[in-house]
N, C-alpha and C. Protein backbone atom coordinates (compact mmCIF):
# COMPACT_ATOMS: atom_id res chain seq x y z
N MET A 1 -5.68 8.25 6.19
CA MET A 1 -4.76 8.04 5.14
C MET A 1 -4.32 6.80 4.84
N GLN A 2 -4.15 5.71 5.63
CA GLN A 2 -3.86 4.17 5.78
C GLN A 2 -4.88 3.89 5.02
N LYS A 3 -6.29 4.28 5.00
CA LYS A 3 -7.32 3.48 3.88
C LYS A 3 -7.01 3.87 2.44
N ARG A 4 -6.71 5.10 2.24
CA ARG A 4 -6.59 5.51 1.02
C ARG A 4 -5.02 4.90 0.42
N ILE A 5 -4.30 4.71 1.17
CA ILE A 5 -3.01 4.18 1.00
C ILE A 5 -3.20 2.72 0.29
N LEU A 6 -4.00 1.99 1.12
CA LEU A 6 -4.43 0.71 1.11
C LEU A 6 -5.21 0.44 -0.34
N LEU A 7 -6.11 1.38 -0.44
CA LEU A 7 -6.83 1.23 -1.85
C LEU A 7 -6.02 1.33 -2.84
N HIS A 8 -5.18 2.30 -2.76
CA HIS A 8 -4.19 2.59 -3.77
C HIS A 8 -3.31 1.24 -4.14
N ILE A 9 -3.02 0.90 -3.06
CA ILE A 9 -2.07 -0.40 -3.53
C ILE A 9 -2.99 -1.63 -3.93
N ALA A 10 -4.09 -1.51 -3.50
CA ALA A 10 -4.98 -2.70 -3.87
C ALA A 10 -5.28 -2.49 -5.44
N GLU A 11 -5.31 -1.26 -6.04
CA GLU A 11 -5.95 -0.84 -7.35
C GLU A 11 -4.69 -0.98 -8.45
N THR A 12 -3.38 -0.57 -7.60
CA THR A 12 -2.40 -0.75 -8.72
C THR A 12 -1.32 -2.08 -8.38
N GLU A 13 -1.49 -2.97 -7.62
CA GLU A 13 -0.54 -3.88 -7.44
C GLU A 13 -0.25 -4.98 -8.79
N HIS A 14 -1.49 -4.82 -9.90
CA HIS A 14 -0.98 -5.55 -11.04
C HIS A 14 0.10 -4.99 -11.75
N LEU A 15 0.56 -3.68 -11.27
CA LEU A 15 1.73 -3.21 -12.04
C LEU A 15 3.02 -3.71 -11.75
N GLY A 16 2.90 -4.32 -10.34
CA GLY A 16 4.12 -4.95 -9.74
C GLY A 16 5.21 -4.10 -8.96
N LEU A 17 4.69 -2.99 -8.89
CA LEU A 17 5.54 -1.89 -8.17
C LEU A 17 5.92 -2.11 -6.68
N THR A 18 7.35 -1.98 -6.41
CA THR A 18 7.88 -2.22 -5.30
C THR A 18 7.32 -1.31 -4.21
N CYS A 19 7.63 -1.55 -2.85
CA CYS A 19 7.24 -0.81 -1.72
C CYS A 19 7.81 0.75 -2.04
N SER A 20 8.84 0.73 -2.31
CA SER A 20 9.93 1.89 -2.49
C SER A 20 9.14 2.92 -3.54
N ARG A 21 8.78 2.17 -4.77
CA ARG A 21 8.03 2.96 -5.93
C ARG A 21 6.81 3.32 -5.54
N GLN A 22 5.97 2.58 -4.76
CA GLN A 22 4.65 2.77 -4.44
C GLN A 22 4.58 3.93 -3.27
N VAL A 23 5.74 4.11 -2.70
CA VAL A 23 5.92 5.39 -1.80
C VAL A 23 5.92 6.49 -2.42
N ARG A 24 6.86 6.71 -3.74
CA ARG A 24 7.00 7.62 -4.53
C ARG A 24 5.86 8.10 -5.17
N GLU A 25 4.97 6.98 -5.91
CA GLU A 25 3.93 7.21 -6.74
C GLU A 25 2.72 8.06 -5.73
N ILE A 26 2.50 7.26 -4.34
CA ILE A 26 1.57 7.49 -3.64
C ILE A 26 1.85 8.97 -3.07
N SER A 27 2.83 9.58 -2.95
CA SER A 27 3.45 10.94 -2.48
C SER A 27 3.11 11.77 -3.50
N ARG A 28 3.37 11.53 -4.70
CA ARG A 28 3.16 12.32 -5.96
C ARG A 28 1.79 12.58 -5.83
N ARG A 29 0.79 11.31 -5.97
CA ARG A 29 -0.49 11.45 -6.40
C ARG A 29 -1.30 12.04 -5.22
N MET A 30 -1.15 11.72 -4.08
CA MET A 30 -1.97 12.27 -3.07
C MET A 30 -1.39 13.52 -2.49
N ARG A 31 -0.24 13.89 -2.67
CA ARG A 31 0.55 15.18 -2.28
C ARG A 31 0.64 15.14 -0.97
N ILE A 32 1.46 14.29 -0.42
CA ILE A 32 1.57 14.09 0.65
C ILE A 32 3.10 14.10 0.99
N PRO A 33 3.87 14.09 1.97
CA PRO A 33 5.33 13.61 2.20
C PRO A 33 5.81 12.22 2.17
N GLU A 34 6.89 11.77 1.66
CA GLU A 34 7.19 10.41 1.47
C GLU A 34 7.09 9.83 2.78
N SER A 35 7.78 10.71 3.68
CA SER A 35 7.87 10.18 5.09
C SER A 35 6.55 9.59 5.65
N THR A 36 5.43 10.56 5.40
CA THR A 36 4.07 9.89 5.97
C THR A 36 3.81 8.58 5.15
N VAL A 37 3.88 8.68 3.99
CA VAL A 37 3.55 7.57 3.27
C VAL A 37 4.21 6.28 3.87
N LYS A 38 5.79 6.55 4.17
CA LYS A 38 6.48 5.26 4.59
C LYS A 38 5.73 4.80 5.79
N TRP A 39 5.50 5.92 7.00
CA TRP A 39 4.86 5.39 8.18
C TRP A 39 3.61 4.71 7.88
N SER A 40 2.72 5.01 7.04
CA SER A 40 1.64 4.45 6.84
C SER A 40 1.81 2.92 6.38
N ILE A 41 2.74 2.89 5.19
CA ILE A 41 2.77 1.60 4.89
C ILE A 41 3.59 0.81 5.83
N ARG A 42 4.52 1.30 6.61
CA ARG A 42 4.97 0.21 8.00
C ARG A 42 3.98 -0.11 8.44
N ALA A 43 2.80 0.70 8.95
CA ALA A 43 1.67 0.26 9.72
C ALA A 43 1.00 -0.82 9.18
N LEU A 44 0.55 -0.59 7.67
CA LEU A 44 -0.25 -1.49 6.94
C LEU A 44 0.74 -2.80 6.96
N ARG A 45 1.71 -3.05 6.79
CA ARG A 45 2.42 -4.53 7.02
C ARG A 45 2.67 -4.76 8.48
N ASP A 46 2.62 -4.16 9.44
CA ASP A 46 2.75 -4.59 10.63
C ASP A 46 1.41 -5.24 11.13
N PHE A 47 0.15 -4.72 10.42
CA PHE A 47 -1.07 -5.41 10.65
C PHE A 47 -1.18 -6.30 9.45
N TYR A 48 -0.41 -6.92 8.75
CA TYR A 48 -0.38 -7.84 7.59
C TYR A 48 -1.39 -7.74 6.79
N LEU A 49 -1.64 -6.34 6.32
CA LEU A 49 -2.83 -5.82 5.24
C LEU A 49 -1.90 -5.61 3.92
N ILE A 50 -0.51 -5.66 3.97
CA ILE A 50 0.16 -5.73 2.97
C ILE A 50 1.44 -6.16 3.17
N GLU A 51 2.06 -6.92 1.90
CA GLU A 51 3.29 -7.45 1.93
C GLU A 51 4.25 -6.81 0.94
N GLY A 52 5.71 -7.07 1.12
CA GLY A 52 6.41 -6.49 -0.16
C GLY A 52 7.82 -6.91 0.51
N GLY A 53 8.92 -6.15 -0.34
CA GLY A 53 10.26 -6.58 0.11
C GLY A 53 10.64 -6.12 1.40
N THR A 54 11.82 -6.27 1.99
CA THR A 54 12.39 -5.86 3.01
C THR A 54 13.74 -5.42 2.44
N PRO A 55 14.46 -4.68 3.58
CA PRO A 55 15.81 -4.27 3.31
C PRO A 55 16.77 -5.57 2.96
N GLU A 56 16.61 -6.73 3.55
CA GLU A 56 17.33 -7.88 3.11
C GLU A 56 16.49 -8.68 1.72
N ASN A 57 15.55 -8.19 1.36
CA ASN A 57 14.69 -8.99 0.29
C ASN A 57 14.33 -7.83 -0.50
N ARG A 58 15.05 -7.05 -1.41
CA ARG A 58 14.77 -6.04 -1.95
C ARG A 58 13.82 -6.61 -3.51
N GLY A 59 13.28 -5.54 -3.75
CA GLY A 59 12.63 -5.96 -5.29
C GLY A 59 11.57 -6.65 -5.37
N VAL A 60 10.99 -6.87 -4.29
CA VAL A 60 9.65 -7.71 -4.28
C VAL A 60 8.51 -6.79 -4.34
N PRO A 61 7.35 -7.08 -5.33
CA PRO A 61 6.50 -6.31 -5.33
C PRO A 61 5.45 -5.96 -4.20
N ALA A 62 5.24 -4.61 -4.04
CA ALA A 62 3.98 -4.67 -2.83
C ALA A 62 2.94 -5.42 -3.26
N LYS A 63 2.02 -6.22 -2.45
CA LYS A 63 0.78 -6.64 -2.83
C LYS A 63 0.00 -6.53 -1.39
N VAL A 64 -1.43 -6.48 -1.69
CA VAL A 64 -2.11 -6.74 -0.64
C VAL A 64 -2.35 -8.21 -0.18
N THR A 65 -2.36 -8.40 1.01
CA THR A 65 -2.72 -9.64 1.60
C THR A 65 -4.26 -10.11 1.43
N TYR A 66 -4.80 -11.20 1.95
CA TYR A 66 -6.00 -11.69 1.73
C TYR A 66 -6.82 -10.63 2.54
N PRO A 67 -6.33 -10.62 4.22
CA PRO A 67 -7.32 -9.80 4.92
C PRO A 67 -7.27 -8.19 4.53
N GLY A 68 -6.19 -7.75 3.76
CA GLY A 68 -6.22 -6.43 3.39
C GLY A 68 -6.92 -6.14 2.19
N LEU A 69 -7.18 -7.49 1.36
CA LEU A 69 -8.10 -7.45 0.37
C LEU A 69 -9.48 -7.12 0.66
N LEU A 70 -10.05 -7.84 1.87
CA LEU A 70 -11.12 -8.12 2.33
C LEU A 70 -11.37 -6.39 2.95
N ILE A 71 -10.46 -5.87 3.65
CA ILE A 71 -10.83 -4.57 4.01
C ILE A 71 -10.91 -3.67 2.82
N ALA A 72 -10.08 -3.89 2.08
CA ALA A 72 -9.99 -2.78 0.71
C ALA A 72 -11.37 -2.89 -0.02
N GLU A 73 -12.07 -4.08 -0.18
CA GLU A 73 -13.31 -4.39 -0.75
C GLU A 73 -14.40 -3.85 0.08
N GLY A 74 -14.14 -3.77 1.46
CA GLY A 74 -15.41 -2.95 2.12
C GLY A 74 -15.38 -1.70 2.20
N LEU A 75 -13.96 -1.04 2.14
CA LEU A 75 -14.10 0.30 1.73
C LEU A 75 -14.46 0.97 0.60
N ARG A 76 -14.47 0.09 -0.69
CA ARG A 76 -14.74 0.80 -1.84
C ARG A 76 -16.30 0.41 -1.62
N ARG A 77 -16.93 -0.41 -0.99
CA ARG A 77 -18.24 -0.66 -0.88
C ARG A 77 -18.91 0.87 -0.35
N GLU A 78 -18.05 1.27 0.90
CA GLU A 78 -18.26 2.39 1.50
C GLU A 78 -18.62 3.63 0.91
N HIS A 79 -17.42 3.72 -0.12
CA HIS A 79 -17.22 4.74 -1.10
C HIS A 79 -18.25 5.05 -1.87
N VAL A 80 -19.10 3.79 -2.66
CA VAL A 80 -19.92 4.14 -3.82
C VAL A 80 -21.33 4.58 -3.44
């Protein structure tokens, strides 16, 4: 699940969506509960694979960090 979410954020970060908006979009597209997406995004943040706004710093777009980008590229190559 986290792999799919990381790939989705990597592919859509150019849209400038916040983490909250990404949660809604991912939930809708992948047909999984928002709570599941939130837990996965929290884990990706904890491992510094993505970054975005916090409750104190809202409105910051979600984006993939450099380590996250390397992992996403590896995942893309696996699926080709």
